[in-house]
Each structure stands twice: as structure tokens, then as C-alpha cells.
């Protein structure tokens, strides 16, 4: 049996608002049936947009490099390399790279998901953005 493995450089990325995304594990890549995993790379100052939730599952992110903050259902928390964050099912969330270098993040989903299973919240942003008249915060 061949060990199911792949290197991130062997997977094409997709440019999405605020990040480049590469699916590393799903039914098509490595044949996973119950989970999916992607790698995102967030440039300095960018936010992963739009805020979103996963109505049918949970997501955990692990910060490999870079610094920033997460918004989860209206609460903000800092993140740095080594931080893992759980986004509970249905909770609106987003990520912001506040550092001066690229942020690299692994995202784990259970059950398996894809971009079609995201619920989007275009008008949700971090609270300080709302103070500047840019968007609504989630309350």
C-alpha cells in the first residue's frame, strides 16, 4: 500500500479574498472520506474575507507562521505561531494578519467540507473596523 501523502508545493492554489488556499486533504486529494484540510497563506495586513461560518461542521486552524487575530462570534483573540483555534459549528469567524510577514495557516474541517459549504457574512468585520465606519460587527 502506498502511504497517502502529498507535499503542499504539489497542489495548485486558489486565490480568494485575503488568502491563497490549497486543499491538501479531501476526497479528491489523498482520498479522505471524513475530513478535509487546507493550507492558507495570508499576506501582511490582509483579512480572510468574507467572514463566514460552517453550518454543517467545525473548523480548527493552526498558525504555522505569522501573527494576527481571529474574530469568533464577536470576540477577538490574538494568534501567533503554535496557536490552535476552534471555530465551533455555525460560529461566524474570520482571520486577520496583523503582522509584517505572510501568515501560514493549516485549516482542519470535520466532517469534510468545501467552499460550497460556507455561509458568508459580507458585512461582518472586526470591531475596530466598525468604529471606522467600514462594516458591522456581529453581536
C-alpha atoms as a PDB file:
ATOM      1  CA  UNK A   1       0.000   0.000   0.000  1.00  0.00           C
ATOM      2  CA  UNK A   2       1.314   3.436  -0.898  1.00  0.00           C
ATOM      3  CA  UNK A   3       1.327   5.879   2.003  1.00  0.00           C
ATOM      4  CA  UNK A   4      -1.237   8.644   1.253  1.00  0.00           C
ATOM      5  CA  UNK A   5       0.880  11.795   1.305  1.00  0.00           C
ATOM      6  CA  UNK A   6       1.437  14.929  -0.708  1.00  0.00           C
ATOM      7  CA  UNK A   7       3.668  17.990  -0.481  1.00  0.00           C
ATOM      8  CA  UNK A   8       1.982  21.408  -0.369  1.00  0.00           C
ATOM      9  CA  UNK A   9       4.020  22.554  -3.377  1.00  0.00           C
ATOM     10  CA  UNK A  10       2.426  19.803  -5.485  1.00  0.00           C
ATOM     11  CA  UNK A  11      -1.082  21.244  -5.038  1.00  0.00           C
ATOM     12  CA  UNK A  12      -2.374  24.204  -7.043  1.00  0.00           C
ATOM     13  CA  UNK A  13      -3.514  27.196  -5.039  1.00  0.00           C
ATOM     14  CA  UNK A  14      -6.695  29.208  -5.484  1.00  0.00           C
ATOM     15  CA  UNK A  15      -6.590  32.968  -4.917  1.00  0.00           C
ATOM     16  CA  UNK A  16      -9.510  34.048  -2.735  1.00  0.00           C
ATOM     17  CA  UNK A  17     -10.139  37.366  -0.946  1.00  0.00           C
ATOM     18  CA  UNK A  18      -7.309  37.837   1.559  1.00  0.00           C
ATOM     19  CA  UNK A  19      -5.589  34.495   1.002  1.00  0.00           C
ATOM     20  CA  UNK A  20      -4.281  31.792  -1.256  1.00  0.00           C
ATOM     21  CA  UNK A  21      -5.858  28.420  -0.457  1.00  0.00           C
ATOM     22  CA  UNK A  22      -4.568  24.943  -1.259  1.00  0.00           C
ATOM     23  CA  UNK A  23      -6.657  21.860  -0.442  1.00  0.00           C
ATOM     24  CA  UNK A  24      -4.230  19.262   0.940  1.00  0.00           C
ATOM     25  CA  UNK A  25      -6.643  16.551   2.078  1.00  0.00           C
ATOM     26  CA  UNK A  26     -10.129  15.741   0.767  1.00  0.00           C
ATOM     27  CA  UNK A  27     -11.874  13.021  -1.213  1.00  0.00           C
ATOM     28  CA  UNK A  28     -10.065  14.016  -4.414  1.00  0.00           C
ATOM     29  CA  UNK A  29      -6.651  14.616  -2.833  1.00  0.00           C
ATOM     30  CA  UNK A  30      -5.479  11.639  -0.768  1.00  0.00           C
ATOM     31  CA  UNK A  31      -8.980  10.069  -0.764  1.00  0.00           C
ATOM     32  CA  UNK A  32     -10.137  11.203   2.688  1.00  0.00           C
ATOM     33  CA  UNK A  33     -13.767  10.372   3.465  1.00  0.00           C
ATOM     34  CA  UNK A  34     -14.428  12.131   6.777  1.00  0.00           C
ATOM     35  CA  UNK A  35     -12.242  15.216   6.929  1.00  0.00           C
ATOM     36  CA  UNK A  36     -10.609  17.887   4.808  1.00  0.00           C
ATOM     37  CA  UNK A  37      -7.528  20.021   5.322  1.00  0.00           C
ATOM     38  CA  UNK A  38      -6.321  23.137   3.536  1.00  0.00           C
ATOM     39  CA  UNK A  39      -3.352  25.459   3.767  1.00  0.00           C
ATOM     40  CA  UNK A  40      -3.926  29.185   3.555  1.00  0.00           C
ATOM     41  CA  UNK A  41      -1.336  31.903   3.108  1.00  0.00           C
ATOM     42  CA  UNK A  42      -2.450  35.381   4.178  1.00  0.00           C
ATOM     43  CA  UNK A  43      -0.371  38.403   3.084  1.00  0.00           C
ATOM     44  CA  UNK A  44       0.539  41.075   5.662  1.00  0.00           C
ATOM     45  CA  UNK A  45      -2.415  43.309   6.553  1.00  0.00           C
ATOM     46  CA  UNK A  46      -4.989  41.107   4.787  1.00  0.00           C
ATOM     47  CA  UNK A  47      -8.175  39.643   6.235  1.00  0.00           C
ATOM     48  CA  UNK A  48      -9.653  36.332   5.135  1.00  0.00           C
ATOM     49  CA  UNK A  49     -12.903  37.570   3.594  1.00  0.00           C
ATOM     50  CA  UNK A  50     -15.753  37.449   3.921  1.00  0.00           C
ATOM     51  CA  UNK A  51     -16.457  36.427   7.498  1.00  0.00           C
ATOM     52  CA  UNK A  52     -18.132  33.045   7.346  1.00  0.00           C
ATOM     53  CA  UNK A  53     -19.413  30.046   9.253  1.00  0.00           C
ATOM     54  CA  UNK A  54     -19.670  26.328   8.633  1.00  0.00           C
ATOM     55  CA  UNK A  55     -23.283  25.281   9.301  1.00  0.00           C
ATOM     56  CA  UNK A  56     -22.537  21.577   8.853  1.00  0.00           C
ATOM     57  CA  UNK A  57     -19.269  21.153  10.727  1.00  0.00           C
ATOM     58  CA  UNK A  58     -16.369  22.523  12.711  1.00  0.00           C
ATOM     59  CA  UNK A  59     -13.047  24.061  11.735  1.00  0.00           C
ATOM     60  CA  UNK A  60      -9.779  24.270  13.635  1.00  0.00           C
ATOM     61  CA  UNK A  61      -6.879  26.392  12.466  1.00  0.00           C
ATOM     62  CA  UNK A  62      -3.227  26.024  13.438  1.00  0.00           C
ATOM     63  CA  UNK A  63      -0.915  29.002  12.954  1.00  0.00           C
ATOM     64  CA  UNK A  64       2.374  27.875  11.402  1.00  0.00           C
ATOM     65  CA  UNK A  65       3.862  31.335  10.897  1.00  0.00           C
ATOM     66  CA  UNK A  66       2.847  34.957  11.168  1.00  0.00           C
ATOM     67  CA  UNK A  67       0.862  36.887  13.738  1.00  0.00           C
ATOM     68  CA  UNK A  68      -2.646  38.220  13.762  1.00  0.00           C
ATOM     69  CA  UNK A  69      -6.043  37.892  15.332  1.00  0.00           C
ATOM     70  CA  UNK A  70      -9.250  35.944  14.954  1.00  0.00           C
ATOM     71  CA  UNK A  71     -12.839  37.051  15.294  1.00  0.00           C
ATOM     72  CA  UNK A  72     -15.220  34.370  16.541  1.00  0.00           C
ATOM     73  CA  UNK A  73     -18.860  35.337  17.074  1.00  0.00           C
ATOM     74  CA  UNK A  74     -17.924  38.901  18.017  1.00  0.00           C
ATOM     75  CA  UNK A  75     -14.956  38.038  20.262  1.00  0.00           C
ATOM     76  CA  UNK A  76     -11.388  38.866  19.189  1.00  0.00           C
ATOM     77  CA  UNK A  77      -8.281  36.936  20.206  1.00  0.00           C
ATOM     78  CA  UNK A  78      -4.614  37.246  19.150  1.00  0.00           C
ATOM     79  CA  UNK A  79      -2.856  34.384  17.343  1.00  0.00           C
ATOM     80  CA  UNK A  80       0.813  33.563  16.771  1.00  0.00           C
ATOM     81  CA  UNK A  81       2.812  30.521  15.652  1.00  0.00           C
ATOM     82  CA  UNK A  82       1.738  27.478  17.642  1.00  0.00           C
ATOM     83  CA  UNK A  83      -1.790  28.783  18.332  1.00  0.00           C
ATOM     84  CA  UNK A  84      -4.711  26.492  17.526  1.00  0.00           C
ATOM     85  CA  UNK A  85      -8.251  27.880  17.377  1.00  0.00           C
ATOM     86  CA  UNK A  86     -11.573  26.040  17.221  1.00  0.00           C
ATOM     87  CA  UNK A  87     -14.372  27.596  15.187  1.00  0.00           C
ATOM     88  CA  UNK A  88     -17.453  25.773  16.535  1.00  0.00           C
ATOM     89  CA  UNK A  89     -20.190  24.732  14.157  1.00  0.00           C
ATOM     90  CA  UNK A  90     -22.208  27.716  12.969  1.00  0.00           C
ATOM     91  CA  UNK A  91     -19.996  30.353  14.648  1.00  0.00           C
ATOM     92  CA  UNK A  92     -19.133  33.332  12.411  1.00  0.00           C
ATOM     93  CA  UNK A  93     -15.377  33.845  12.161  1.00  0.00           C
ATOM     94  CA  UNK A  94     -12.548  35.491  10.254  1.00  0.00           C
ATOM     95  CA  UNK A  95      -8.764  35.810  10.407  1.00  0.00           C
ATOM     96  CA  UNK A  96      -6.595  38.943  10.079  1.00  0.00           C
ATOM     97  CA  UNK A  97      -2.837  39.012   9.509  1.00  0.00           C
ATOM     98  CA  UNK A  98      -1.696  41.996  11.568  1.00  0.00           C
ATOM     99  CA  UNK A  99       2.000  41.253  11.137  1.00  0.00           C
ATOM    100  CA  UNK A 100       4.599  42.309   8.606  1.00  0.00           C
ATOM    101  CA  UNK A 101       5.178  38.828   7.160  1.00  0.00           C
ATOM    102  CA  UNK A 102       2.968  36.270   5.439  1.00  0.00           C
ATOM    103  CA  UNK A 103       0.772  34.208   7.741  1.00  0.00           C
ATOM    104  CA  UNK A 104       0.699  30.466   7.012  1.00  0.00           C
ATOM    105  CA  UNK A 105      -2.199  28.506   8.490  1.00  0.00           C
ATOM    106  CA  UNK A 106      -3.430  24.907   8.322  1.00  0.00           C
ATOM    107  CA  UNK A 107      -7.235  24.551   8.467  1.00  0.00           C
ATOM    108  CA  UNK A 108      -8.854  21.266   9.551  1.00  0.00           C
ATOM    109  CA  UNK A 109     -12.533  20.531   8.839  1.00  0.00           C
ATOM    110  CA  UNK A 110     -14.781  17.777  10.177  1.00  0.00           C
ATOM    111  CA  UNK A 111     -16.757  16.467   8.559  1.00  0.00           C
ATOM    112  CA  UNK A 112     -15.149  17.080   5.184  1.00  0.00           C
ATOM    113  CA  UNK A 113     -16.145  20.346   3.523  1.00  0.00           C
ATOM    114  CA  UNK A 114     -15.522  22.564   0.515  1.00  0.00           C
ATOM    115  CA  UNK A 115     -16.162  26.215  -0.312  1.00  0.00           C
ATOM    116  CA  UNK A 116     -19.781  25.442  -1.246  1.00  0.00           C
ATOM    117  CA  UNK A 117     -20.494  24.657   2.418  1.00  0.00           C
ATOM    118  CA  UNK A 118     -19.510  28.107   3.742  1.00  0.00           C
ATOM    119  CA  UNK A 119     -22.186  30.546   4.901  1.00  0.00           C
ATOM    120  CA  UNK A 120     -20.937  34.058   4.089  1.00  0.00           C
ATOM    121  CA  UNK A 121     -21.365  37.262   6.120  1.00  0.00           C
ATOM    122  CA  UNK A 122     -20.204  40.119   3.890  1.00  0.00           C
ATOM    123  CA  UNK A 123     -20.938  42.907   6.427  1.00  0.00           C
ATOM    124  CA  UNK A 124     -19.180  41.362   9.441  1.00  0.00           C
ATOM    125  CA  UNK A 125     -15.742  42.696  10.378  1.00  0.00           C
ATOM    126  CA  UNK A 126     -13.519  43.237  13.394  1.00  0.00           C
ATOM    127  CA  UNK A 127     -14.922  45.742  15.943  1.00  0.00           C
ATOM    128  CA  UNK A 128     -12.267  48.405  15.242  1.00  0.00           C
ATOM    129  CA  UNK A 129     -13.238  48.379  11.547  1.00  0.00           C
ATOM    130  CA  UNK A 130     -16.816  49.208  12.564  1.00  0.00           C
ATOM    131  CA  UNK A 131     -15.549  52.107  14.665  1.00  0.00           C
ATOM    132  CA  UNK A 132     -14.010  53.474  11.479  1.00  0.00           C
ATOM    133  CA  UNK A 133     -17.341  53.212   9.684  1.00  0.00           C
ATOM    134  CA  UNK A 134     -16.287  50.292   7.492  1.00  0.00           C
ATOM    135  CA  UNK A 135     -18.556  47.399   8.499  1.00  0.00           C
ATOM    136  CA  UNK A 136     -20.892  45.937  11.057  1.00  0.00           C
ATOM    137  CA  UNK A 137     -19.686  43.771  13.890  1.00  0.00           C
ATOM    138  CA  UNK A 138     -21.511  40.622  14.860  1.00  0.00           C
ATOM    139  CA  UNK A 139     -23.372  40.874  18.140  1.00  0.00           C
END
